[in-house]
Amino acid sequence: MFRAAALVPSPPLLVPELTGSSAAETADLRAAAVEAVTQLTSKVDRWIAIGVDHTEGTYDATTVGTFRGFGVDVVVRLSDRPSSTLPDPELPLTVLIAGWLRGASDPDSAVEVRTVPADASAQWCATLGAELRRELDASSESWGILVLADGANTLTAKAPGSFDERAEAIQRRIDDALAAADVDALAQLDAELCAAVGVSGRAAWQVLAAAVGSDAITATELYRLAPFGVGYYVGTWSRA
């Protein structure tokens, strides 16, 4: 049965080894993300992660990856089970970040990661979210969902996507919806406009919105800022 969710971004800068002397600048974001996952795993028996990528994919608990492709050979795992698999540097970033967060927050746990296409339609996300909810509710165990999703990357002139004057309003709309667990507002996010301002996490949030449905949710905000011009939100949702 679905019980709770954690909402975190998935940038490489969460991993201190990848940021070097700049690690202190994102310490608050990193701490909030680890805290969100810690709270999630304390409330549920098992958890699953949903993130975005170019394609749909599933990565089970035997998956082992490395951030070598981002400059440092930091190995991450989706469980502590022994594996003969070599660390894969080609894994989607959301899978790597899910593994890093598992190790930082609850290293004894195991997580499966499912990726959804960043350009998936709202209807496709709604269908997948409803299917996910049926799957979790069919279990006698309590389940949590970790959502890895980034906001607009065009909030300042030095942002990765440069500046777009539309980004601030869209980011505020997303942050407010996540802070209020407003599933209708998330479901209605415009895919084309989100893509135009560099919001890469829209599909993952819409899957969560469909999975939660009409449940009464208690939402807690842990972080909302835009370091380096990218909108990042961290929080938790719990069924009331």
Protein backbone atom coordinates (compact mmCIF):
# COMPACT_ATOMS: atom_id res chain seq x y z
CA MET A 1 0.00 0.00 0.00
CA PHE A 2 1.20 3.49 -0.83
CA ARG A 3 2.13 5.42 2.30
CA ALA A 4 4.48 8.35 1.56
CA ALA A 5 6.67 10.14 -0.97
CA ALA A 6 9.89 12.13 -0.98
CA LEU A 7 10.63 14.82 -3.55
CA VAL A 8 14.24 15.60 -4.42
CA PRO A 9 16.22 16.91 -7.40
CA SER A 10 18.88 14.85 -9.17
CA PRO A 11 21.86 17.09 -10.03
CA PRO A 12 25.43 15.78 -9.79
CA LEU A 13 26.19 18.58 -7.33
CA LEU A 14 24.44 16.55 -4.62
CA VAL A 15 27.54 14.36 -4.52
CA PRO A 16 30.28 16.26 -2.65
CA GLU A 17 33.13 14.44 -4.39
CA LEU A 18 31.91 15.88 -7.69
CA THR A 19 31.85 19.49 -6.55
CA GLY A 20 35.21 19.79 -4.79
CA SER A 21 35.69 23.19 -3.17
CA SER A 22 32.13 24.18 -4.13
CA ALA A 23 30.57 21.44 -1.98
CA ALA A 24 29.82 23.88 0.83
CA GLU A 25 27.64 25.98 -1.49
CA THR A 26 25.17 23.13 -1.85
CA ALA A 27 25.44 21.68 1.65
CA ASP A 28 21.89 22.78 2.58
CA LEU A 29 20.42 21.18 -0.54
CA ARG A 30 22.38 17.98 0.06
CA ALA A 31 21.30 17.77 3.70
CA ALA A 32 17.66 18.38 2.80
CA ALA A 33 17.69 15.65 0.14
CA VAL A 34 19.24 13.11 2.50
CA GLU A 35 16.75 14.09 5.21
CA ALA A 36 13.80 13.65 2.84
CA VAL A 37 14.87 10.13 1.93
CA THR A 38 15.63 9.31 5.57
CA GLN A 39 12.11 10.38 6.53
CA LEU A 40 10.64 8.37 3.69
CA THR A 41 12.41 5.13 4.54
CA SER A 42 11.51 5.49 8.23
CA LYS A 43 7.80 5.44 7.35
CA VAL A 44 7.63 2.53 4.91
CA ASP A 45 8.65 -1.09 4.51
CA ARG A 46 9.87 -0.68 0.94
CA TRP A 47 10.38 2.13 -1.57
CA ILE A 48 10.70 2.74 -5.27
CA ALA A 49 12.19 5.67 -7.16
CA ILE A 50 10.80 7.48 -10.21
CA GLY A 51 13.08 9.69 -12.28
CA VAL A 52 13.34 11.03 -15.82
CA ASP A 53 15.58 9.99 -18.67
CA HIS A 54 15.44 9.85 -22.46
CA THR A 55 13.54 6.54 -22.36
CA GLU A 56 11.51 4.35 -20.05
CA GLY A 57 13.56 1.86 -18.06
CA THR A 58 13.69 -0.27 -14.91
CA TYR A 59 16.77 -0.79 -12.73
CA ASP A 60 16.51 -3.43 -10.01
CA ALA A 61 18.25 -3.65 -6.67
CA THR A 62 21.28 -5.48 -8.12
CA THR A 63 22.25 -2.39 -10.15
CA VAL A 64 25.69 -0.91 -9.51
CA GLY A 65 26.84 2.37 -11.05
CA THR A 66 29.61 4.93 -10.91
CA PHE A 67 29.89 8.68 -11.38
CA ARG A 68 33.09 8.17 -13.37
CA GLY A 69 31.41 9.79 -16.35
CA PHE A 70 31.03 12.94 -14.25
CA GLY A 71 34.71 13.03 -13.36
CA VAL A 72 35.07 10.99 -10.16
CA ASP A 73 34.78 7.22 -9.68
CA VAL A 74 32.17 7.29 -6.90
CA VAL A 75 30.47 3.88 -6.89
CA VAL A 76 26.80 3.63 -5.89
CA ARG A 77 24.46 0.69 -5.45
CA LEU A 78 20.69 0.23 -5.31
CA SER A 79 21.11 -2.26 -2.45
CA ASP A 80 23.83 -3.76 -0.26
CA ARG A 81 23.41 -7.18 -1.87
CA PRO A 82 26.62 -8.74 -3.19
CA SER A 83 26.97 -8.30 -6.94
CA SER A 84 29.54 -9.41 -9.50
CA THR A 85 28.40 -6.66 -11.85
CA LEU A 86 30.96 -4.01 -12.71
CA PRO A 87 29.89 -0.44 -11.90
CA ASP A 88 28.14 1.01 -14.95
CA PRO A 89 29.18 4.60 -15.84
CA GLU A 90 26.39 4.84 -18.42
CA LEU A 91 23.46 4.64 -16.03
CA PRO A 92 20.96 7.53 -16.14
CA LEU A 93 21.83 10.29 -13.70
CA THR A 94 18.59 9.77 -11.76
CA VAL A 95 19.55 6.14 -11.13
CA LEU A 96 22.99 7.15 -9.89
CA ILE A 97 21.55 9.83 -7.61
CA ALA A 98 18.96 7.39 -6.22
CA GLY A 99 21.80 5.01 -5.39
CA TRP A 100 23.83 7.76 -3.76
CA LEU A 101 20.86 8.92 -1.66
CA ARG A 102 20.15 5.34 -0.58
CA GLY A 103 23.73 4.97 0.61
CA ALA A 104 23.70 8.32 2.38
CA SER A 105 20.32 7.92 4.10
CA ASP A 106 19.51 4.22 4.54
CA PRO A 107 22.33 1.95 3.37
CA ASP A 108 20.58 -1.21 4.58
CA SER A 109 17.63 -0.65 2.25
CA ALA A 110 17.09 -1.59 -1.38
CA VAL A 111 15.42 0.46 -4.10
CA GLU A 112 14.20 -0.15 -7.62
CA VAL A 113 14.42 2.82 -9.98
CA ARG A 114 12.05 3.37 -12.87
CA THR A 115 12.75 6.07 -15.42
CA VAL A 116 10.12 7.81 -17.50
CA PRO A 117 10.75 9.80 -20.69
CA ALA A 118 11.16 13.50 -19.96
CA ASP A 119 8.91 14.30 -22.92
CA ALA A 120 6.13 11.87 -21.98
CA SER A 121 2.62 13.23 -22.40
CA ALA A 122 0.49 14.11 -19.39
CA GLN A 123 -1.93 11.31 -20.31
CA TRP A 124 0.89 8.77 -20.49
CA CYS A 125 2.11 9.90 -17.06
CA ALA A 126 -1.41 9.69 -15.63
CA THR A 127 -1.81 6.13 -16.90
CA LEU A 128 1.57 5.07 -15.52
CA GLY A 129 0.88 6.70 -12.17
CA ALA A 130 -2.46 4.94 -11.82
CA GLU A 131 -0.84 1.61 -12.71
CA LEU A 132 1.89 2.22 -10.15
CA ARG A 133 -0.66 2.96 -7.45
CA ARG A 134 -2.56 -0.26 -8.17
CA GLU A 135 0.72 -2.17 -8.00
CA LEU A 136 1.68 -0.69 -4.62
CA ASP A 137 -1.79 -1.06 -3.13
CA ALA A 138 -1.84 -4.74 -4.08
CA SER A 139 1.06 -5.30 -1.66
CA SER A 140 0.56 -5.99 2.04
CA GLU A 141 3.69 -3.94 2.74
CA SER A 142 3.76 -0.17 3.04
CA TRP A 143 5.48 1.54 0.11
CA GLY A 144 7.13 4.89 -0.47
CA ILE A 145 7.90 6.69 -3.71
CA LEU A 146 11.05 8.76 -4.19
CA VAL A 147 10.61 11.27 -7.01
CA LEU A 148 13.80 12.65 -8.56
CA ALA A 149 12.96 15.74 -10.61
CA ASP A 150 14.57 19.08 -11.44
CA GLY A 151 12.94 22.41 -12.09
CA ALA A 152 13.70 25.19 -14.57
CA ASN A 153 17.34 25.63 -15.60
CA THR A 154 16.80 29.12 -17.04
CA LEU A 155 16.28 31.22 -13.91
CA THR A 156 19.37 33.44 -14.24
CA ALA A 157 21.69 34.65 -16.96
CA LYS A 158 24.39 32.24 -15.77
CA ALA A 159 22.04 29.24 -15.53
CA PRO A 160 22.82 26.18 -17.67
CA GLY A 161 20.00 27.06 -20.06
CA SER A 162 20.63 30.82 -19.92
CA PHE A 163 17.80 33.14 -18.88
CA ASP A 164 14.13 32.86 -19.80
CA GLU A 165 11.76 35.46 -18.37
CA ARG A 166 8.97 32.85 -18.16
CA ALA A 167 10.94 30.54 -15.89
CA GLU A 168 10.41 32.29 -12.55
CA ALA A 169 6.62 32.12 -12.73
CA ILE A 170 6.64 28.49 -13.81
CA GLN A 171 9.11 27.52 -11.10
CA ARG A 172 7.00 29.26 -8.47
CA ARG A 173 3.93 27.40 -9.72
CA ILE A 174 5.76 24.08 -9.45
CA ASP A 175 7.22 24.80 -6.02
CA ASP A 176 3.85 25.93 -4.65
CA ALA A 177 2.13 22.85 -6.05
CA LEU A 178 4.71 20.54 -4.49
CA ALA A 179 4.53 22.38 -1.16
CA ALA A 180 0.75 22.04 -1.10
CA ALA A 181 0.57 18.53 -2.61
CA ASP A 182 -1.64 20.05 -5.31
CA VAL A 183 -1.89 17.09 -7.65
CA ASP A 184 -4.26 18.89 -10.02
CA ALA A 185 -1.79 21.73 -10.57
CA LEU A 186 0.99 19.23 -11.25
CA ALA A 187 -1.18 17.24 -13.65
CA GLN A 188 -1.96 20.42 -15.58
CA LEU A 189 1.65 21.51 -16.11
CA ASP A 190 2.15 22.36 -19.77
CA ALA A 191 4.69 19.98 -21.30
CA GLU A 192 5.81 22.33 -24.07
CA LEU A 193 6.22 25.32 -21.79
CA CYS A 194 8.10 23.27 -19.18
CA ALA A 195 10.46 21.99 -21.86
CA ALA A 196 10.98 25.50 -23.19
CA VAL A 197 12.25 26.78 -19.82
CA GLY A 198 14.27 23.67 -19.04
CA VAL A 199 12.01 21.95 -16.51
CA SER A 200 13.19 18.36 -16.86
CA GLY A 201 11.19 16.81 -13.99
CA ARG A 202 7.65 17.51 -15.18
CA ALA A 203 6.86 13.90 -16.20
CA ALA A 204 8.02 12.42 -12.87
CA TRP A 205 5.86 14.86 -10.90
CA GLN A 206 2.86 14.01 -13.06
CA VAL A 207 3.38 10.28 -12.43
CA LEU A 208 3.37 11.00 -8.70
CA ALA A 209 0.26 13.16 -8.99
CA ALA A 210 -1.62 10.30 -10.65
CA ALA A 211 -0.34 7.78 -8.12
CA VAL A 212 -1.52 9.92 -5.20
CA GLY A 213 -4.89 10.70 -6.77
CA SER A 214 -7.48 12.04 -4.35
CA ASP A 215 -5.69 11.01 -1.15
CA ALA A 216 -5.44 13.55 1.64
CA ILE A 217 -1.76 14.43 1.91
CA THR A 218 0.33 16.17 4.54
CA ALA A 219 3.17 17.99 2.76
CA THR A 220 6.37 19.27 4.34
CA GLU A 221 8.76 21.59 2.53
CA LEU A 222 12.45 21.15 3.32
CA TYR A 223 14.11 23.27 0.63
CA ARG A 224 13.24 25.54 -2.29
CA LEU A 225 15.95 27.60 -3.91
CA ALA A 226 17.71 27.99 -7.24
CA PRO A 227 21.47 27.63 -6.79
CA PHE A 228 23.31 28.26 -10.05
CA GLY A 229 20.02 29.33 -11.65
CA VAL A 230 18.26 25.95 -11.46
CA GLY A 231 15.07 25.40 -9.47
CA TYR A 232 15.36 22.66 -6.86
CA TYR A 233 12.61 21.56 -4.45
CA VAL A 234 12.90 19.08 -1.60
CA GLY A 235 10.00 17.89 0.53
CA THR A 236 7.93 14.99 1.76
CA TRP A 237 4.32 13.88 1.30
CA SER A 238 2.53 11.56 3.72
CA ARG A 239 -0.95 10.12 3.51
CA ALA A 240 -3.06 11.70 6.22
